[in-house]
């Protein structure tokens, strides 16, 4: 098995169970997998990326309704939304593996780890939806904001690493404790079980954002770019969202954000 070609094949899979299982299987075989780091793979038709199921229905993010987690239906909507983010995150990691040639082998192994952990997160959340909330992935509408940024940065690896893992995914570091607080206030067994799942996700997402920060710093050093100034330029060029306060400062620092970056994120 060659990792980058296989990542593209898995990215195109439509069934969530099959895709998550394949990502985990790739990671299980990591020690034996070869990586054609210099090969430039031929991109398939854009409308085949990523492979996704017929459901959930995809809407603009402003059209996706939010509901209070005080009700079982509201908690199902919330967990479904997070599961959709994790499903997209599998795709984002796989896309980074196949799309960008010429990086060190450790780059591809890092994103393979991310893809597998995102697959684990998706499965934890989907199982919770089914067992605790009597719903399944696809039962509610979702949005495609994460993949939209993936498409916009398809030709610029620096922008991709700056704006997907360390911007969009880093927002999860800020949002997760707030979500957990609301679920603890609800206090039902399913809500508290969801808090425990989110503990696992938050801990591992710190590592994913750290991988993004590491490779963004590596790319900036390679290309002679100032990380803070170039990040500000990329945010403006690609109209990336700013983080919503309060920031999870401890998690962001643990993920490798510098003090200069923290000041920019807080004050611009």
Protein backbone atom coordinates (compact mmCIF):
# COMPACT_ATOMS: atom_id res chain seq x y z
CA UNK A 1 0.00 0.00 0.00
CA UNK A 2 1.22 3.51 -0.87
CA UNK A 3 -0.11 6.08 1.57
CA UNK A 4 -0.87 9.09 -0.62
CA UNK A 5 -2.73 7.19 -3.34
CA UNK A 6 -4.65 5.26 -0.71
CA UNK A 7 -5.55 8.50 1.09
CA UNK A 8 -7.09 9.80 -2.13
CA UNK A 9 -9.06 6.57 -2.57
CA UNK A 10 -10.38 6.76 1.00
CA UNK A 11 -11.21 10.45 0.60
CA UNK A 12 -13.52 9.51 -2.29
CA UNK A 13 -15.43 6.89 -0.28
CA UNK A 14 -19.00 7.99 0.40
CA UNK A 15 -20.09 5.70 3.21
CA UNK A 16 -19.09 7.20 6.60
CA UNK A 17 -18.61 3.78 8.22
CA UNK A 18 -16.43 2.56 5.37
CA UNK A 19 -14.39 5.77 5.29
CA UNK A 20 -13.74 5.88 9.02
CA UNK A 21 -12.83 2.17 9.08
CA UNK A 22 -10.43 2.66 6.16
CA UNK A 23 -8.73 5.62 7.87
CA UNK A 24 -8.22 3.55 11.02
CA UNK A 25 -6.91 0.62 8.96
CA UNK A 26 -4.37 2.84 7.20
CA UNK A 27 -3.08 4.04 10.55
CA UNK A 28 -2.88 0.48 11.87
CA UNK A 29 -0.61 -0.34 8.91
CA UNK A 30 1.49 2.83 9.26
CA UNK A 31 4.71 0.98 10.06
CA UNK A 32 4.50 -1.00 6.82
CA UNK A 33 3.15 1.68 4.50
CA UNK A 34 5.27 3.35 1.80
CA UNK A 35 5.04 7.06 1.01
CA UNK A 36 5.73 8.48 -2.46
CA UNK A 37 6.56 11.95 -1.15
CA UNK A 38 7.54 13.47 -4.50
CA UNK A 39 4.77 12.02 -6.67
CA UNK A 40 2.26 14.57 -7.93
CA UNK A 41 -1.02 12.74 -8.07
CA UNK A 42 -3.63 13.56 -10.69
CA UNK A 43 -6.59 15.29 -9.15
CA UNK A 44 -9.94 13.59 -9.76
CA UNK A 45 -12.99 15.63 -10.82
CA UNK A 46 -13.71 18.24 -8.16
CA UNK A 47 -17.30 17.06 -7.75
CA UNK A 48 -16.04 13.68 -6.50
CA UNK A 49 -14.19 15.27 -3.58
CA UNK A 50 -14.88 14.55 -0.88
CA UNK A 51 -16.92 11.40 -1.09
CA UNK A 52 -19.94 11.87 1.16
CA UNK A 53 -23.27 10.19 1.80
CA UNK A 54 -26.56 11.42 0.38
CA UNK A 55 -27.47 12.58 3.88
CA UNK A 56 -27.11 14.88 5.75
CA UNK A 57 -28.61 17.59 3.62
CA UNK A 58 -26.00 20.35 3.25
CA UNK A 59 -27.13 23.94 3.81
CA UNK A 60 -25.43 27.30 4.14
CA UNK A 61 -24.22 27.65 7.71
CA UNK A 62 -26.69 30.47 8.38
CA UNK A 63 -29.58 28.15 7.47
CA UNK A 64 -28.68 25.37 9.92
CA UNK A 65 -31.01 25.68 12.91
CA UNK A 66 -29.68 25.62 16.46
CA UNK A 67 -31.67 24.16 19.33
CA UNK A 68 -31.29 24.16 23.08
CA UNK A 69 -29.42 21.16 24.51
CA UNK A 70 -32.01 21.14 27.32
CA UNK A 71 -34.14 18.76 25.22
CA UNK A 72 -33.17 15.31 23.89
CA UNK A 73 -33.80 16.52 20.33
CA UNK A 74 -31.62 19.56 20.91
CA UNK A 75 -28.79 17.39 22.23
CA UNK A 76 -29.13 15.12 19.21
CA UNK A 77 -28.80 18.16 16.90
CA UNK A 78 -25.73 19.32 18.83
CA UNK A 79 -23.97 15.94 18.77
CA UNK A 80 -24.88 15.51 15.10
CA UNK A 81 -23.26 18.86 14.30
CA UNK A 82 -20.06 17.86 16.08
CA UNK A 83 -20.08 14.45 14.36
CA UNK A 84 -20.34 16.24 11.01
CA UNK A 85 -17.31 18.36 11.89
CA UNK A 86 -15.36 15.23 12.76
CA UNK A 87 -16.42 13.51 9.52
CA UNK A 88 -15.20 16.54 7.58
CA UNK A 89 -11.98 16.52 9.59
CA UNK A 90 -11.25 12.99 8.33
CA UNK A 91 -11.56 14.38 4.80
CA UNK A 92 -9.34 17.37 5.56
CA UNK A 93 -6.51 15.19 6.85
CA UNK A 94 -6.77 12.79 3.91
CA UNK A 95 -6.76 15.69 1.46
CA UNK A 96 -3.55 17.10 2.96
CA UNK A 97 -1.89 13.71 2.51
CA UNK A 98 -2.64 13.19 -1.17
CA UNK A 99 -2.68 16.76 -2.44
CA UNK A 100 0.64 18.23 -1.38
CA UNK A 101 3.77 16.59 -2.79
CA UNK A 102 7.34 17.28 -1.77
CA UNK A 103 6.95 17.43 2.00
CA UNK A 104 8.97 15.39 4.52
CA UNK A 105 7.69 11.89 5.23
CA UNK A 106 6.75 12.93 8.78
CA UNK A 107 4.25 15.43 7.35
CA UNK A 108 2.23 12.61 5.79
CA UNK A 109 2.50 10.40 8.87
CA UNK A 110 1.29 13.26 11.07
CA UNK A 111 -1.84 13.75 8.96
CA UNK A 112 -2.43 10.00 8.86
CA UNK A 113 -2.55 10.06 12.65
CA UNK A 114 -4.98 12.97 12.52
CA UNK A 115 -7.23 11.17 10.02
CA UNK A 116 -7.37 8.09 12.26
CA UNK A 117 -8.13 10.05 15.41
CA UNK A 118 -10.83 12.05 13.64
CA UNK A 119 -12.31 8.73 12.49
CA UNK A 120 -12.32 7.55 16.10
CA UNK A 121 -14.04 10.78 17.19
CA UNK A 122 -16.68 10.42 14.48
CA UNK A 123 -17.41 6.85 15.54
CA UNK A 124 -17.69 7.77 19.22
CA UNK A 125 -20.20 10.51 18.39
CA UNK A 126 -22.17 8.41 15.92
CA UNK A 127 -22.42 5.58 18.43
CA UNK A 128 -23.61 8.08 21.06
CA UNK A 129 -26.25 9.40 18.66
CA UNK A 130 -27.53 5.90 17.99
CA UNK A 131 -27.40 4.42 21.49
CA UNK A 132 -28.21 7.39 23.69
CA UNK A 133 -30.25 9.74 21.50
CA UNK A 134 -31.97 7.36 19.03
CA UNK A 135 -30.78 9.22 15.96
CA UNK A 136 -28.07 8.65 13.37
CA UNK A 137 -25.63 10.67 11.31
CA UNK A 138 -27.60 12.19 8.44
CA UNK A 139 -30.81 12.78 10.39
CA UNK A 140 -30.32 16.57 10.55
CA UNK A 141 -29.06 19.18 8.06
CA UNK A 142 -25.41 20.26 8.26
CA UNK A 143 -23.10 22.79 6.62
CA UNK A 144 -19.89 22.41 4.65
CA UNK A 145 -17.82 25.33 5.92
CA UNK A 146 -14.71 23.31 6.70
CA UNK A 147 -14.52 21.78 3.22
CA UNK A 148 -15.16 25.14 1.57
CA UNK A 149 -11.91 26.47 3.06
CA UNK A 150 -10.21 23.27 1.94
CA UNK A 151 -11.26 24.01 -1.65
CA UNK A 152 -10.15 27.65 -1.45
CA UNK A 153 -6.65 26.66 -0.27
CA UNK A 154 -6.17 23.70 -2.61
CA UNK A 155 -3.25 25.37 -4.44
CA UNK A 156 -1.43 26.86 -1.45
CA UNK A 157 -0.11 24.53 1.23
CA UNK A 158 0.87 27.41 3.52
CA UNK A 159 -2.66 28.81 3.41
CA UNK A 160 -4.14 25.34 3.90
CA UNK A 161 -2.14 24.64 7.04
CA UNK A 162 -2.63 28.17 8.36
CA UNK A 163 -6.38 28.33 7.85
CA UNK A 164 -7.71 24.80 8.33
CA UNK A 165 -6.04 23.07 11.30
CA UNK A 166 -4.81 26.16 13.11
CA UNK A 167 -7.83 28.38 12.39
CA UNK A 168 -11.05 26.48 11.74
CA UNK A 169 -10.17 23.40 13.78
CA UNK A 170 -8.58 25.50 16.51
CA UNK A 171 -11.97 27.12 17.06
CA UNK A 172 -13.04 23.78 18.50
CA UNK A 173 -10.53 24.27 21.32
CA UNK A 174 -12.43 27.40 22.31
CA UNK A 175 -15.94 26.05 21.76
CA UNK A 176 -15.69 22.63 23.41
CA UNK A 177 -15.44 23.75 27.08
CA UNK A 178 -18.49 26.00 26.57
CA UNK A 179 -20.45 23.09 25.09
CA UNK A 180 -19.37 20.84 27.95
CA UNK A 181 -20.53 23.44 30.48
CA UNK A 182 -24.00 23.51 28.93
CA UNK A 183 -24.20 19.72 28.90
CA UNK A 184 -23.14 19.49 32.55
CA UNK A 185 -25.91 21.93 33.41
CA UNK A 186 -28.41 19.61 31.69
CA UNK A 187 -27.02 16.78 33.81
CA UNK A 188 -28.83 13.83 32.20
CA UNK A 189 -26.91 10.56 31.72
CA UNK A 190 -26.65 11.09 27.97
CA UNK A 191 -25.45 14.67 28.43
CA UNK A 192 -22.75 13.61 30.90
CA UNK A 193 -21.69 10.78 28.59
CA UNK A 194 -21.29 13.36 25.83
CA UNK A 195 -19.10 15.48 28.13
CA UNK A 196 -16.77 12.50 28.57
CA UNK A 197 -16.55 11.96 24.79
CA UNK A 198 -15.76 15.65 24.32
CA UNK A 199 -12.95 15.32 26.91
CA UNK A 200 -11.28 12.75 24.65
CA UNK A 201 -11.86 14.84 21.54
CA UNK A 202 -10.53 18.05 23.12
CA UNK A 203 -7.36 16.34 24.35
CA UNK A 204 -6.59 14.88 20.94
CA UNK A 205 -7.61 18.02 19.03
CA UNK A 206 -4.91 19.92 20.94
CA UNK A 207 -2.48 17.52 19.31
CA UNK A 208 -4.00 18.08 15.87
CA UNK A 209 -3.74 21.84 16.15
CA UNK A 210 -0.16 21.39 17.40
CA UNK A 211 0.60 19.46 14.21
CA UNK A 212 -0.86 22.36 12.21
CA UNK A 213 1.24 24.87 14.16
CA UNK A 214 4.40 22.78 13.70
CA UNK A 215 4.02 22.53 9.95
CA UNK A 216 2.95 26.15 9.55
CA UNK A 217 6.13 27.19 11.35
CA UNK A 218 8.18 24.79 9.22
CA UNK A 219 6.71 26.17 5.99
CA UNK A 220 7.22 29.78 7.07
CA UNK A 221 10.88 29.03 7.86
CA UNK A 222 11.29 27.27 4.51
CA UNK A 223 9.75 30.15 2.59
CA UNK A 224 11.24 33.01 4.63
CA UNK A 225 7.86 34.24 5.90
CA UNK A 226 7.04 36.01 9.15
CA UNK A 227 4.45 33.68 10.74
CA UNK A 228 2.31 36.36 12.37
CA UNK A 229 2.33 38.87 9.52
CA UNK A 230 1.74 36.21 6.87
CA UNK A 231 -1.08 34.68 8.88
CA UNK A 232 -2.81 38.07 9.10
CA UNK A 233 -2.46 38.44 5.32
CA UNK A 234 -3.91 34.97 4.71
CA UNK A 235 -6.89 35.60 6.99
CA UNK A 236 -7.72 38.71 4.96
CA UNK A 237 -7.05 37.11 1.55
CA UNK A 238 -9.20 34.03 2.19
CA UNK A 239 -11.78 35.75 4.42
CA UNK A 240 -11.13 33.29 7.23
CA UNK A 241 -13.22 33.70 10.38
CA UNK A 242 -11.71 35.22 13.49
CA UNK A 243 -11.93 33.22 16.72
CA UNK A 244 -14.90 33.89 18.94
CA UNK A 245 -14.01 34.83 22.52
CA UNK A 246 -13.38 33.56 25.06
CA UNK A 247 -10.28 31.81 23.75
CA UNK A 248 -9.18 28.60 25.42
CA UNK A 249 -5.78 30.11 26.13
CA UNK A 250 -4.38 27.07 27.94
CA UNK A 251 -5.31 24.70 25.11
CA UNK A 252 -4.04 27.06 22.43
CA UNK A 253 -0.71 27.50 24.20
CA UNK A 254 -0.47 23.73 24.66
CA UNK A 255 -1.04 23.43 20.91
CA UNK A 256 1.94 25.69 20.23
CA UNK A 257 0.52 29.15 19.59
CA UNK A 258 3.19 31.73 20.39
CA UNK A 259 2.54 34.72 22.62
CA UNK A 260 2.74 36.99 19.56
CA UNK A 261 0.09 34.89 17.84
CA UNK A 262 -2.11 34.91 20.93
CA UNK A 263 -1.93 38.71 21.06
CA UNK A 264 -2.91 38.95 17.39
CA UNK A 265 -5.80 36.53 17.84
CA UNK A 266 -7.11 38.50 20.80
CA UNK A 267 -6.53 42.02 19.52
CA UNK A 268 -5.78 41.88 15.79
